[in-house]
Protein backbone atom coordinates (compact mmCIF):
# COMPACT_ATOMS: atom_id res chain seq x y z
CA MET A 1 21.16 -13.63 41.72
CA SER A 2 18.72 -11.04 40.39
CA GLU A 3 15.36 -12.04 38.90
CA TYR A 4 15.82 -9.90 35.79
CA LEU A 5 18.18 -10.17 32.83
CA ILE A 6 18.29 -7.36 30.27
CA TRP A 7 19.35 -8.79 26.90
CA GLY A 8 20.66 -6.00 24.70
CA PHE A 9 21.74 -2.61 25.98
CA GLY A 10 20.65 -0.15 23.32
CA VAL A 11 17.87 2.40 23.74
CA GLU A 12 15.31 -0.06 25.09
CA GLY A 13 17.82 -1.94 27.22
CA LYS A 14 18.92 1.28 28.93
CA SER A 15 15.30 2.26 29.40
CA ALA A 16 14.62 -1.10 31.06
CA ALA A 17 17.62 -0.59 33.34
CA ASP A 18 16.40 2.87 34.40
CA TYR A 19 12.95 1.48 35.09
CA LEU A 20 14.21 -1.41 37.21
CA VAL A 21 16.46 0.92 39.20
CA LYS A 22 13.41 3.08 40.02
CA GLN A 23 11.54 -0.08 41.00
CA GLN A 24 14.49 -1.03 43.25
CA GLN A 25 14.92 -4.29 41.36
CA THR A 26 18.30 -5.87 40.77
CA PHE A 27 19.24 -7.11 37.32
CA SER A 28 22.04 -8.47 35.16
CA LEU A 29 23.04 -7.56 31.62
CA LEU A 30 23.66 -9.63 28.48
CA THR A 31 24.92 -8.64 25.03
CA ASP A 32 25.74 -10.87 22.08
CA ASN A 33 29.25 -9.41 21.89
CA PHE A 34 31.40 -7.49 24.32
CA ASP A 35 30.38 -3.84 24.48
CA GLN A 36 32.51 -1.25 26.27
CA THR A 37 29.59 1.02 27.16
CA THR A 38 27.70 -1.88 28.72
CA ASP A 39 30.82 -3.02 30.56
CA ASN A 40 31.36 0.49 31.98
CA TYR A 41 27.75 0.68 33.16
CA ALA A 42 27.98 -2.77 34.76
CA LYS A 43 31.20 -1.94 36.62
CA GLN A 44 29.95 1.45 37.81
CA ASN A 45 26.79 -0.12 39.20
CA ALA A 46 28.22 -3.46 40.40
CA ILE A 47 26.04 -5.41 37.96
CA LYS A 48 26.81 -8.85 36.55
CA TYR A 49 27.54 -8.61 32.82
CA PHE A 50 27.37 -11.62 30.46
CA TYR A 51 28.50 -11.41 26.83
CA GLY A 52 29.34 -13.59 23.85
CA GLU A 53 28.34 -17.20 23.21
CA GLU A 54 29.77 -18.38 26.51
CA GLY A 55 28.04 -15.57 28.38
CA ILE A 56 24.69 -16.40 26.76
CA GLN A 57 25.00 -20.02 27.91
CA GLN A 58 25.98 -18.92 31.41
CA ALA A 59 22.95 -16.63 31.53
CA ILE A 60 20.67 -19.45 30.39
CA ASN A 61 22.04 -21.64 33.18
CA GLN A 62 21.30 -18.93 35.76
CA ARG A 63 17.56 -19.49 35.14
CA PHE A 64 16.47 -15.86 35.42
CA LYS A 65 12.77 -15.41 36.11
CA TYR A 66 12.46 -12.67 33.47
CA VAL A 67 14.51 -11.97 30.35
CA ILE A 68 13.80 -8.50 28.96
CA LYS A 69 14.72 -8.91 25.30
CA SER A 70 15.55 -5.94 23.10
CA PRO A 71 13.53 -5.76 19.84
CA GLY A 72 16.54 -6.26 17.57
CA ILE A 73 17.07 -9.77 18.96
CA SER A 74 14.98 -12.19 16.92
CA LEU A 75 12.30 -14.08 18.77
CA TYR A 76 13.24 -17.10 16.66
CA ARG A 77 16.85 -17.47 17.74
CA PRO A 78 17.56 -20.85 19.37
CA GLU A 79 18.90 -19.07 22.47
CA VAL A 80 15.44 -17.58 23.05
CA GLN A 81 13.97 -21.06 23.10
CA ALA A 82 16.77 -22.21 25.41
CA PHE A 83 15.88 -19.45 27.90
CA LYS A 84 12.24 -20.55 27.79
CA GLN A 85 13.18 -24.19 28.31
CA ALA A 86 15.24 -23.13 31.34
CA GLY A 87 12.10 -21.60 32.82
CA SER A 88 12.67 -17.93 31.99
CA LYS A 89 9.82 -15.73 30.82
CA ILE A 90 10.77 -13.71 27.73
CA THR A 91 9.32 -10.22 27.89
CA SER A 92 9.90 -6.71 26.52
CA THR A 93 9.64 -3.12 27.69
CA THR A 94 6.40 -2.83 25.66
CA GLN A 95 4.84 -5.85 27.34
CA MET A 96 5.99 -4.63 30.76
CA TRP A 97 4.36 -1.25 30.17
CA PHE A 98 1.02 -2.77 29.17
CA GLU A 99 1.07 -5.04 32.23
CA ALA A 100 1.82 -2.05 34.46
CA HIS A 101 -0.96 0.06 32.89
CA PRO A 102 -3.82 -2.30 31.92
CA ASN A 103 -6.38 0.51 31.78
CA ALA A 104 -4.38 2.89 29.58
CA LYS A 105 -6.11 4.20 26.44
CA THR A 106 -3.85 3.11 23.59
CA ILE A 107 -3.52 3.44 19.84
CA VAL A 108 -0.97 1.16 18.15
CA VAL A 109 0.31 2.41 14.79
CA THR A 110 2.17 -0.03 12.58
CA GLY A 111 2.78 -0.90 8.94
CA THR A 112 5.73 -1.77 6.76
CA LYS A 113 6.11 1.88 5.80
CA GLY A 114 4.74 5.18 7.06
CA LYS A 115 4.21 4.34 10.72
CA SER A 116 6.51 7.04 12.12
CA THR A 117 4.98 9.78 9.98
CA THR A 118 1.46 8.58 10.76
CA ALA A 119 1.98 8.26 14.52
CA SER A 120 3.51 11.76 14.56
CA LEU A 121 0.63 13.12 12.47
CA LEU A 122 -1.95 11.54 14.79
CA HIS A 123 -0.14 13.12 17.75
CA TYR A 124 -0.25 16.46 15.90
CA LEU A 125 -3.99 16.10 15.21
CA PHE A 126 -4.77 15.18 18.82
CA ASN A 127 -2.92 18.31 19.93
CA LEU A 128 -5.06 20.38 17.54
CA PHE A 129 -8.13 18.83 19.18
CA ASP A 130 -6.62 19.60 22.60
CA VAL A 131 -6.85 15.88 23.40
CA ASP A 132 -4.30 14.88 26.01
CA ASN A 133 -1.90 12.35 24.47
CA GLU A 134 1.64 11.00 24.61
CA LEU A 135 3.73 9.72 21.70
CA ALA A 136 5.87 6.72 22.59
CA GLY A 137 7.35 3.45 21.37
CA ASN A 138 9.89 4.11 18.62
CA LEU A 139 9.04 7.83 18.68
CA GLY A 140 8.71 10.34 21.45
CA ARG A 141 9.49 9.05 24.92
CA ALA A 142 10.68 5.57 25.84
CA ILE A 143 7.55 3.65 26.69
CA LEU A 144 8.55 2.83 30.28
CA GLU A 145 8.88 6.57 30.94
CA VAL A 146 5.20 7.15 30.15
CA THR A 147 2.73 7.19 33.05
CA PRO A 148 -0.72 7.53 31.51
CA VAL A 149 -3.33 9.64 33.27
CA ALA A 150 -7.11 9.41 33.11
CA ASN A 151 -8.59 10.27 29.68
CA SER A 152 -5.12 10.53 28.11
CA TRP A 153 -4.22 8.59 24.98
CA THR A 154 -0.89 6.86 24.44
CA ILE A 155 0.01 6.65 20.73
CA LEU A 156 2.51 3.84 20.19
CA GLU A 157 4.55 3.43 17.01
CA LEU A 158 5.53 -0.23 17.07
CA SER A 159 7.52 -2.43 14.69
CA SER A 160 7.02 -6.10 13.88
CA TYR A 161 9.86 -6.87 16.31
CA GLN A 162 7.82 -5.36 19.15
CA LEU A 163 4.48 -6.79 18.04
CA ALA A 164 5.59 -10.38 17.49
CA ASP A 165 5.20 -11.38 21.14
CA LEU A 166 2.97 -8.59 22.47
CA HIS A 167 -0.20 -9.98 24.06
CA SER A 168 -2.17 -7.07 25.50
CA GLN A 169 -5.50 -5.42 24.86
CA VAL A 170 -5.38 -2.13 22.92
CA ASP A 171 -8.12 0.33 22.02
CA VAL A 172 -7.14 1.00 18.41
CA PHE A 173 -4.83 -0.98 16.10
CA LEU A 174 -3.86 0.72 12.82
CA LEU A 175 -2.19 -1.28 10.05
CA LEU A 176 -1.13 1.09 7.27
CA ASN A 177 0.16 -1.43 4.74
CA LEU A 178 2.00 -4.73 4.43
CA PHE A 179 4.98 -5.48 2.19
CA GLN A 180 7.80 -8.00 2.47
CA GLU A 181 10.38 -6.76 4.98
CA HIS A 182 12.61 -7.91 7.87
CA VAL A 183 12.77 -11.51 6.64
CA PRO A 184 16.07 -12.32 8.44
CA TRP A 185 14.52 -11.50 11.85
CA HIS A 186 11.22 -13.32 11.18
CA GLN A 187 12.82 -16.10 9.09
CA THR A 188 10.12 -15.95 6.37
CA ALA A 189 7.91 -13.32 4.77
CA GLU A 190 4.89 -15.33 5.91
CA GLN A 191 6.02 -15.14 9.54
CA TYR A 192 6.63 -11.40 9.19
CA TYR A 193 3.04 -10.90 8.05
CA LEU A 194 1.73 -13.07 10.89
CA ASP A 195 3.83 -11.33 13.55
CA LYS A 196 2.88 -7.88 12.30
CA THR A 197 -0.83 -8.61 12.59
CA GLN A 198 -1.13 -11.10 15.45
CA LEU A 199 -2.36 -8.55 18.00
CA ALA A 200 -5.39 -7.66 15.86
CA ARG A 201 -5.90 -11.17 14.51
CA ASP A 202 -6.24 -12.46 18.08
CA SER A 203 -9.01 -9.86 18.66
CA LEU A 204 -6.90 -7.94 21.17
CA ALA A 205 -7.96 -4.60 19.66
CA ASP A 206 -11.34 -2.94 20.12
CA VAL A 207 -10.99 -1.10 16.80
CA VAL A 208 -8.99 -2.31 13.80
CA VAL A 209 -8.22 0.35 11.18
CA TYR A 210 -6.89 -1.06 7.91
CA ASN A 211 -5.97 -0.16 4.33
CA ALA A 212 -8.78 -1.40 2.09
CA GLN A 213 -6.41 -1.39 -0.92
CA SER A 214 -3.98 -3.81 0.72
CA ASN A 215 -5.02 -7.41 0.05
CA LEU A 216 -2.23 -8.68 2.30
CA SER A 217 -3.52 -6.57 5.18
CA ALA A 218 -7.03 -7.97 4.89
CA GLN A 219 -5.72 -11.52 4.55
CA TYR A 220 -3.39 -11.52 7.53
CA LEU A 221 -5.61 -9.45 9.81
CA GLY A 222 -8.23 -12.17 9.31
CA LEU A 223 -10.97 -9.54 9.07
CA ASP A 224 -13.73 -12.09 8.48
CA GLU A 225 -12.69 -14.09 11.53
CA LEU A 226 -12.41 -11.25 14.05
CA SER A 227 -14.79 -11.47 17.00
CA HIS A 228 -18.11 -9.61 16.72
CA GLY A 229 -17.03 -7.12 19.37
CA VAL A 230 -14.22 -5.74 17.19
CA SER A 231 -15.03 -2.64 15.14
CA LYS A 232 -13.46 -2.69 11.65
CA VAL A 233 -12.72 0.68 10.04
CA ALA A 234 -11.38 0.93 6.48
CA PHE A 235 -9.45 3.79 4.91
CA ALA A 236 -8.46 4.14 1.24
CA ASP A 237 -12.05 3.09 0.58
CA GLU A 238 -15.06 5.07 -0.65
CA SER A 239 -16.97 4.14 2.51
CA GLY A 240 -14.72 6.58 4.38
CA PHE A 241 -11.54 8.56 3.68
CA TYR A 242 -9.75 7.82 0.41
CA ILE A 243 -7.50 9.30 -2.27
CA LYS A 244 -8.54 9.95 -5.87
CA ASP A 245 -6.52 11.88 -8.47
CA ASP A 246 -4.15 13.18 -5.77
CA ALA A 247 -7.08 14.61 -3.79
CA LEU A 248 -8.51 13.63 -0.40
CA TYR A 249 -12.14 12.51 -0.25
CA PHE A 250 -14.66 11.48 2.38
CA LYS A 251 -17.61 9.39 1.16
CA GLY A 252 -17.55 11.02 -2.26
CA GLU A 253 -16.90 14.57 -1.06
CA GLU A 254 -13.60 16.19 -2.02
CA LEU A 255 -12.03 17.77 1.05
CA THR A 256 -10.14 21.08 1.10
CA HIS A 257 -7.00 20.96 3.24
CA ASN A 258 -3.51 22.46 3.56
CA PHE A 259 -1.53 19.28 4.20
CA ARG A 260 2.00 19.89 2.91
CA LEU A 261 3.60 16.44 2.69
CA LYS A 262 4.24 15.16 -0.82
CA GLY A 263 2.91 11.94 -2.30
CA GLN A 264 -0.22 9.82 -2.38
CA HIS A 265 1.26 7.61 0.31
CA ASN A 266 1.32 10.56 2.70
CA LEU A 267 -2.27 11.46 1.83
CA LYS A 268 -3.14 7.85 2.68
CA ASN A 269 -1.39 8.32 6.02
CA LEU A 270 -3.59 11.36 6.60
CA ALA A 271 -6.68 9.36 5.58
CA ALA A 272 -5.73 6.69 8.13
CA CYS A 273 -5.41 9.30 10.89
CA LEU A 274 -8.73 10.85 10.00
CA ALA A 275 -10.34 7.40 10.04
CA ILE A 276 -9.16 7.00 13.63
CA VAL A 277 -10.28 10.51 14.59
CA ASN A 278 -13.69 9.89 13.03
CA SER A 279 -14.08 6.55 14.83
CA LEU A 280 -13.46 8.39 18.12
CA LYS A 281 -16.32 10.81 17.31
CA LEU A 282 -14.06 13.86 17.06
CA ASP A 283 -15.05 16.67 14.69
CA TRP A 284 -12.28 16.47 12.10
CA ARG A 285 -13.50 19.08 9.59
CA PRO A 286 -12.18 22.19 11.38
CA VAL A 287 -8.61 20.81 11.53
CA LEU A 288 -8.26 20.32 7.76
CA THR A 289 -7.12 23.91 7.31
CA HIS A 290 -4.63 23.68 10.18
CA LEU A 291 -2.36 20.94 8.81
CA SER A 292 0.38 23.12 7.30
CA GLY A 293 2.33 23.09 10.55
CA PHE A 294 3.04 19.37 10.16
CA THR A 295 6.28 18.86 8.26
CA ALA A 296 8.19 15.81 7.04
CA LEU A 297 10.20 13.91 9.62
CA GLU A 298 13.96 13.67 9.23
CA HIS A 299 15.11 11.12 6.62
CA ARG A 300 11.56 10.80 5.22
CA LEU A 301 11.31 12.80 1.98
CA GLN A 302 13.17 15.55 3.82
CA GLU A 303 13.85 18.38 1.37
CA VAL A 304 16.92 20.62 1.53
CA GLN A 305 17.64 23.26 -1.10
CA GLY A 306 21.29 22.97 -2.10
CA THR A 307 23.65 25.86 -2.66
CA ASN A 308 23.88 24.74 -6.29
CA SER A 309 20.10 25.30 -6.85
CA VAL A 310 19.59 21.53 -6.76
CA LEU A 311 16.91 20.07 -4.48
CA TYR A 312 18.30 17.31 -2.21
CA VAL A 313 15.69 14.88 -0.90
CA ASN A 314 16.73 12.69 2.02
CA ASP A 315 14.55 9.56 2.06
CA SER A 316 17.13 7.41 3.81
CA ILE A 317 14.41 5.60 5.76
CA SER A 318 13.38 3.96 2.48
CA THR A 319 14.40 0.30 2.78
CA THR A 320 11.98 -1.33 0.32
CA PRO A 321 11.37 -1.02 -3.44
CA ASP A 322 7.75 0.02 -2.77
CA SER A 323 8.80 3.02 -0.70
CA THR A 324 11.28 4.11 -3.39
CA LEU A 325 8.55 3.98 -6.03
CA CYS A 326 6.42 6.23 -3.79
CA ALA A 327 9.34 8.66 -3.50
CA LEU A 328 9.90 8.70 -7.27
CA ASP A 329 6.21 9.43 -7.83
CA CYS A 330 6.55 12.58 -5.73
CA TYR A 331 9.06 14.03 -8.22
CA LYS A 332 7.79 12.49 -11.46
CA ASN A 333 7.61 15.90 -13.17
CA GLN A 334 11.23 16.77 -12.43
CA GLU A 335 14.62 15.46 -13.53
CA ILE A 336 15.97 13.10 -10.88
CA ASN A 337 19.41 11.90 -9.87
CA LEU A 338 18.60 8.70 -7.97
CA ILE A 339 20.66 6.94 -5.29
CA LEU A 340 19.85 3.26 -4.78
CA GLY A 341 21.24 0.34 -2.82
CA GLY A 342 22.53 -0.75 0.54
CA ALA A 343 22.61 -3.91 2.62
CA GLU A 344 21.26 -7.16 1.19
CA ARG A 345 17.86 -8.39 2.39
CA SER A 346 16.90 -10.61 -0.56
CA GLN A 347 14.20 -8.27 -1.83
CA ASN A 348 12.78 -8.41 -5.34
CA TYR A 349 13.79 -5.33 -7.37
CA ALA A 350 12.25 -6.38 -10.70
CA GLU A 351 9.24 -4.04 -10.42
CA LEU A 352 11.39 -1.09 -9.39
CA VAL A 353 13.87 -1.63 -12.22
CA ALA A 354 11.06 -2.01 -14.76
CA ALA A 355 9.50 1.26 -13.57
CA LEU A 356 12.64 3.41 -13.89
CA ASP A 357 11.88 4.33 -17.50
CA ASN A 358 8.70 6.06 -16.27
CA TYR A 359 10.73 8.83 -14.65
CA GLN A 360 13.02 11.58 -15.93
CA LEU A 361 16.28 10.16 -14.61
CA ASN A 362 19.55 12.02 -15.15
CA LYS A 363 21.94 9.73 -13.26
CA ILE A 364 21.66 6.66 -11.01
CA LEU A 365 24.18 6.09 -8.23
CA LEU A 366 24.28 2.51 -6.92
CA LEU A 367 25.71 1.51 -3.52
CA GLY A 368 26.16 -1.58 -1.36
CA GLU A 369 25.44 -5.21 -2.07
CA THR A 370 21.96 -4.53 -3.42
CA GLY A 371 23.38 -1.79 -5.60
CA LYS A 372 25.53 -4.40 -7.35
CA ARG A 373 22.48 -6.61 -7.88
CA ILE A 374 20.31 -3.76 -9.19
CA TYR A 375 23.16 -2.66 -11.50
CA ARG A 376 23.20 -6.13 -13.09
CA GLN A 377 19.42 -5.98 -13.60
CA LEU A 378 19.37 -2.60 -15.35
CA PRO A 379 18.44 -2.83 -19.04
CA SER A 380 21.19 -2.10 -21.55
CA ASN A 381 19.05 0.58 -23.21
CA LEU A 382 18.44 2.57 -20.00
CA ALA A 383 18.05 6.23 -20.94
CA CYS A 384 20.43 7.52 -18.25
CA LYS A 385 23.93 6.75 -16.99
CA ALA A 386 24.18 4.42 -13.98
CA GLN A 387 27.36 3.96 -11.94
CA TYR A 388 28.28 1.77 -8.97
CA PHE A 389 30.53 3.11 -6.19
CA ASP A 390 31.89 1.39 -3.09
CA HIS A 391 31.35 4.45 -0.89
CA MET A 392 28.63 7.07 -0.82
CA ALA A 393 31.05 9.98 -0.41
CA VAL A 394 32.79 9.13 -3.69
CA GLY A 395 29.49 8.52 -5.43
CA MET A 396 28.01 11.78 -4.21
CA ALA A 397 30.98 13.69 -5.60
CA TRP A 398 30.13 12.10 -8.97
CA ILE A 399 26.45 12.98 -8.62
CA ASN A 400 27.23 16.58 -7.74
CA GLN A 401 29.40 16.90 -10.83
CA HIS A 402 26.42 15.99 -13.03
CA ALA A 403 23.40 17.37 -11.15
CA LYS A 404 22.08 20.54 -12.76
CA ALA A 405 20.17 23.50 -11.35
CA GLY A 406 16.48 22.69 -11.01
CA GLN A 407 17.06 18.95 -10.75
CA VAL A 408 16.42 16.67 -7.78
CA VAL A 409 18.99 14.47 -6.05
CA LEU A 410 16.95 11.76 -4.39
CA LEU A 411 18.35 9.37 -1.79
CA SER A 412 15.70 6.63 -1.61
CA PRO A 413 17.85 3.50 -1.41
CA ALA A 414 15.24 0.69 -1.28
CA ALA A 415 17.63 -1.13 1.05
CA PRO A 416 18.87 -1.02 4.65
CA SER A 417 21.92 1.07 5.54
CA PHE A 418 23.96 -1.55 7.38
CA GLY A 419 27.43 -2.15 6.00
CA GLU A 420 28.80 1.27 5.25
CA PHE A 421 26.59 2.94 7.88
CA VAL A 422 25.47 2.30 11.46
CA ASN A 423 21.88 3.22 10.62
CA PHE A 424 19.66 5.13 8.20
CA ALA A 425 20.23 8.40 10.08
CA GLU A 426 23.98 8.28 9.56
CA ARG A 427 23.42 7.54 5.86
CA GLY A 428 20.95 10.42 5.53
CA ASN A 429 23.18 12.89 7.35
CA LEU A 430 26.15 12.10 5.11
CA PHE A 431 23.93 12.57 2.06
CA LEU A 432 22.73 15.97 3.25
CA SER A 433 26.29 17.12 3.88
CA PHE A 434 26.74 17.17 0.09
CA SER A 435 23.95 19.73 -0.32
CA ARG A 436 26.08 22.44 1.31
């Protein structure tokens, strides 16, 4: 029997399989339910494949030395504890990479929202500086494909799922913000906050960069309790880079730049990147006029001009009320047709609903389980028409009937996509198909 079990065969599971093959290690596979793709791979490569409840128990009984768990599988599932009790070490592709490259120069970028944009922007800035770097984790290359070289930086965009059980030293840890999210995986909001910040809180980062305007960040990072050897760098604070009246400042000086991304939240992302760059003693001033080449990532305030002279904004990545409020702020001076709702995650929508009257809303399209809940919370005197639909395609036909030239159609759902869609990308792509 092989020493390794790969639990989950998505992107990271396949990456783990490729890595073990190169290392000439044998392994078995496990998925929660039968999966044809996994079965085909197992048969083609003569690999043992476990699946379903019975398969999980069989795998536990095999007492594998290592179980490489995919991030989507909660660390708090009883089966994880059962594997541990059977003597298996639970690990991940991220942990394996750090153990294989203990001397790598690393920057971990995380936060409830904005981490993909920020990690990509930092990668862009490093390229402007001609600093050798690799973007990995949930962006760029699969982490096990990265072989760091001397004086090269590895920029890792990591989620709470990947950070919860990561115990490795990093050079820089950036926490952009902290809101309630992913409660089903972490079981409680409190545990989510703890898992998101544990790497820094345990003084496993040489430099901790944090949002000075986020009280939750300061609280759960335990800034006052960090060891004396940890350097603490704030952004969104007048001691460094911060935003005031939609402008970027550094220690009281307004900075001229040509950054194109909309919204204060994106300027804060830029401030966070510059805080890192400054902490590394790089001369950041010359790059401020070379930022126009950085554009919005797909499904993140992605603008497409429709054939009907309506601007379609794909913010499908928005899964929290806070991120939707940021999106609305970007278009506060325009008439908006707003699309809200998706899978249920027990989030509080009271603040979002109360804020809707602050915007020039033409129509509101509501979808999914959270759409039903938001619809019930809307005030009876709401200035615009709101309508619930079971399917986005039908709802978008309704929106397109009422959207007028010069208006914005904004998909910023404040909820996950699961239910009608496989993921946020599928939801965003369907939305954009109605712009043509």
